[in-house]
Structure formats: C-alpha cells, structure tokens
C-alpha cells in the first residue's frame, strides 16, 4: 500500500541510512504539490531517472499558506502525501514545516537534489547545503508551463 511510503522524519532518516548502507543513491525532490498536474508528474519522473531512491518532501499546510497565501493549500498535507506516494516513481514521502528543505538535506544527505526548471543551479535556495553535504543539484522536468496557481486562477476567471 502506498501509504507505507509516507514517513515521519525519524523514519525517513532510518530508511535513508539503510539505503546508503546498501550502496544505493538518494535523490530528493520537494514542493507544495497542492494540485497534482502533468508538470509535477514529469518533474518527479525526471528526478527518478537521475537514479536511486526518490524521496519527495512536501510543504506542510502552514508553510503552503505562507508561500501561496490564504485559501491554500486546496488539499491537506496528508492527502497530498498519499497522492504522491501512489506514484510508481516515488519511494518515500515526508512532510516538512520549515520554509525550505535545508534541514532535511542535512538529515538525509541526498546524492542529488532535483529542482524544477523554474530554477537554475545557481538559484536553488538550498544549493549551498546540498554541496556542503556532498551532493549535487540537478534541474529536471519540462519547462514551467504548468502551475497549480495558474490552473486555479484560470478556473476562477472562467467562473467570473
């Protein structure tokens, strides 16, 4: 069952340590994933293609509100985690409440931190910590032609 992929931070640290002891690589992807769309699927598929186990860190409800504003998220974190855990490319999902994933990177020390094409290797906020932990940043996925915010805005405009 996919919900077994949803881990608490301590469980994720243990799982990452097990994978690392087995000589397996770890890739970390993160985001709000408020309304899963094809851009997310392509991003996660490309992140998985980098090799190893794919961990997806999702923003808590509070951090989504801080990033996206009132009325967000549309779905609670537990439901967003369950949807992501159902994807074949995803090996583990964790919810984080910090403003970024720097602390999580220090905890699990991924080999690769995958970010979407709305970033460059030089604009990824966590790039310094990734390098400090011995990893690298990769930009993956299709052009940022999709966003939950744009989809929501479009639907609301149609109703007006």
Protein backbone atom coordinates (compact mmCIF):
# COMPACT_ATOMS: atom_id res chain seq x y z
CA UNK A 1 0.00 0.00 0.00
CA UNK A 2 1.34 3.42 -0.96
CA UNK A 3 0.70 4.94 2.49
CA UNK A 4 3.68 2.88 3.73
CA UNK A 5 5.82 5.25 1.70
CA UNK A 6 4.72 8.19 3.87
CA UNK A 7 7.32 8.53 6.60
CA UNK A 8 7.93 10.68 9.63
CA UNK A 9 11.29 12.46 9.71
CA UNK A 10 12.87 9.89 12.04
CA UNK A 11 11.65 7.01 9.88
CA UNK A 12 12.98 8.71 6.77
CA UNK A 13 16.39 9.19 8.36
CA UNK A 14 16.49 5.47 9.19
CA UNK A 15 15.34 4.45 5.70
CA UNK A 16 17.90 6.76 4.06
CA UNK A 17 20.65 5.28 6.25
CA UNK A 18 19.58 1.75 5.23
CA UNK A 19 19.64 2.68 1.54
CA UNK A 20 23.03 4.32 1.92
CA UNK A 21 24.48 1.26 3.75
CA UNK A 22 23.26 -0.86 0.83
CA UNK A 23 25.20 1.41 -1.54
CA UNK A 24 22.06 2.91 -3.05
CA UNK A 25 21.74 6.52 -4.15
CA UNK A 26 19.17 9.03 -2.90
CA UNK A 27 17.50 11.81 -4.86
CA UNK A 28 15.41 14.46 -3.11
CA UNK A 29 12.65 16.48 -4.77
CA UNK A 30 10.40 18.93 -2.96
CA UNK A 31 7.43 21.23 -3.38
CA UNK A 32 3.88 22.06 -2.34
CA UNK A 33 2.18 19.66 -4.77
CA UNK A 34 -1.13 21.31 -3.91
CA UNK A 35 -2.90 20.26 -7.08
CA UNK A 36 -1.06 17.44 -8.81
CA UNK A 37 -0.69 18.15 -12.53
CA UNK A 38 1.32 16.88 -15.50
CA UNK A 39 4.23 19.24 -14.74
CA UNK A 40 4.61 17.58 -11.33
CA UNK A 41 4.48 14.10 -12.84
CA UNK A 42 7.15 14.98 -15.42
CA UNK A 43 9.34 16.61 -12.76
CA UNK A 44 9.16 13.56 -10.49
CA UNK A 45 9.72 11.14 -13.36
CA UNK A 46 12.83 13.08 -14.42
CA UNK A 47 14.04 13.18 -10.80
CA UNK A 48 13.65 9.41 -10.51
CA UNK A 49 15.58 8.98 -13.77
CA UNK A 50 18.61 10.52 -12.04
CA UNK A 51 18.94 7.21 -10.24
CA UNK A 52 18.43 5.67 -6.85
CA UNK A 53 15.56 6.16 -4.45
CA UNK A 54 13.34 9.21 -4.90
CA UNK A 55 12.25 11.00 -1.74
CA UNK A 56 9.60 13.69 -2.15
CA UNK A 57 9.36 16.31 0.59
CA UNK A 58 6.12 18.26 0.66
CA UNK A 59 5.41 21.51 2.43
CA UNK A 60 3.13 21.35 5.46
CA UNK A 61 -0.22 23.14 5.26
CA UNK A 62 1.17 26.07 7.26
CA UNK A 63 4.17 26.51 5.00
CA UNK A 64 1.98 26.31 1.87
CA UNK A 65 -0.19 29.11 3.29
CA UNK A 66 2.93 31.18 3.97
CA UNK A 67 4.18 30.61 0.41
CA UNK A 68 0.92 30.72 -1.57
CA UNK A 69 -1.46 32.79 0.55
CA UNK A 70 -4.94 32.41 2.01
CA UNK A 71 -7.09 29.63 0.64
CA UNK A 72 -4.14 27.34 0.08
CA UNK A 73 -3.48 24.50 0.21
CA UNK A 74 -6.50 23.08 -1.55
CA UNK A 75 -5.79 19.63 -0.09
CA UNK A 76 -4.35 18.88 3.34
CA UNK A 77 -0.77 17.63 3.57
CA UNK A 78 -1.76 14.06 4.44
CA UNK A 79 -3.85 13.78 1.26
CA UNK A 80 -1.15 15.38 -0.89
CA UNK A 81 1.33 12.89 0.57
CA UNK A 82 -0.97 9.95 -0.18
CA UNK A 83 -1.42 11.01 -3.82
CA UNK A 84 2.34 11.37 -4.30
CA UNK A 85 3.05 8.06 -2.54
CA UNK A 86 0.77 6.33 -5.07
CA UNK A 87 3.14 7.28 -7.92
CA UNK A 88 5.45 4.49 -9.05
CA UNK A 89 8.48 6.80 -9.30
CA UNK A 90 8.21 7.86 -5.64
CA UNK A 91 9.95 5.74 -2.99
CA UNK A 92 9.20 7.86 0.08
CA UNK A 93 7.25 10.98 1.03
CA UNK A 94 7.83 13.23 4.02
CA UNK A 95 6.04 16.40 5.16
CA UNK A 96 8.23 19.29 6.30
CA UNK A 97 7.23 22.52 8.02
CA UNK A 98 10.36 24.63 7.61
CA UNK A 99 10.48 27.39 4.96
CA UNK A 100 12.92 25.31 2.86
CA UNK A 101 14.49 21.82 2.87
CA UNK A 102 17.95 22.74 4.20
CA UNK A 103 17.41 20.90 7.50
CA UNK A 104 16.04 17.85 5.72
CA UNK A 105 19.05 17.83 3.37
CA UNK A 106 21.36 17.80 6.39
CA UNK A 107 19.33 14.92 7.89
CA UNK A 108 19.29 12.61 4.86
CA UNK A 109 22.28 13.86 2.81
CA UNK A 110 20.87 13.14 -0.66
CA UNK A 111 23.26 12.45 -3.52
CA UNK A 112 21.11 14.65 -5.75
CA UNK A 113 18.67 17.46 -5.03
CA UNK A 114 16.33 17.73 -8.02
CA UNK A 115 14.61 21.03 -8.70
CA UNK A 116 12.23 22.08 -11.46
CA UNK A 117 13.01 24.22 -14.48
CA UNK A 118 11.80 27.37 -12.77
CA UNK A 119 15.27 27.29 -11.13
CA UNK A 120 18.83 27.27 -12.35
CA UNK A 121 21.63 25.52 -10.49
CA UNK A 122 22.65 28.95 -9.16
CA UNK A 123 19.18 29.99 -7.93
CA UNK A 124 18.28 26.86 -5.93
CA UNK A 125 17.96 28.20 -2.36
CA UNK A 126 19.44 25.06 -0.79
CA UNK A 127 22.37 24.64 -3.20
CA UNK A 128 24.95 25.59 -0.55
CA UNK A 129 23.75 22.92 1.88
CA UNK A 130 23.49 20.29 -0.87
CA UNK A 131 27.16 20.87 -1.78
CA UNK A 132 28.17 21.02 1.89
CA UNK A 133 26.63 17.54 2.31
CA UNK A 134 28.48 16.17 -0.72
CA UNK A 135 25.56 16.20 -3.14
CA UNK A 136 24.77 17.98 -6.37
CA UNK A 137 21.85 19.97 -7.71
CA UNK A 138 20.12 18.89 -10.93
CA UNK A 139 17.45 20.85 -12.79
CA UNK A 140 14.86 18.46 -14.24
CA UNK A 141 11.41 18.30 -15.79
CA UNK A 142 9.73 20.11 -18.62
CA UNK A 143 9.54 23.90 -18.98
CA UNK A 144 7.47 25.52 -16.25
CA UNK A 145 4.32 25.73 -18.39
CA UNK A 146 2.13 24.31 -15.65
CA UNK A 147 1.42 25.52 -12.14
CA UNK A 148 -1.32 24.86 -9.64
CA UNK A 149 -1.66 28.60 -9.05
CA UNK A 150 -2.21 29.25 -12.77
CA UNK A 151 -4.73 26.40 -13.04
CA UNK A 152 -6.68 27.72 -10.05
CA UNK A 153 -6.58 31.30 -11.37
CA UNK A 154 -7.78 30.13 -14.79
CA UNK A 155 -10.71 28.21 -13.31
CA UNK A 156 -11.74 31.14 -11.16
CA UNK A 157 -11.58 33.55 -14.11
CA UNK A 158 -13.83 31.26 -16.14
CA UNK A 159 -16.44 31.38 -13.39
CA UNK A 160 -16.47 35.18 -13.35
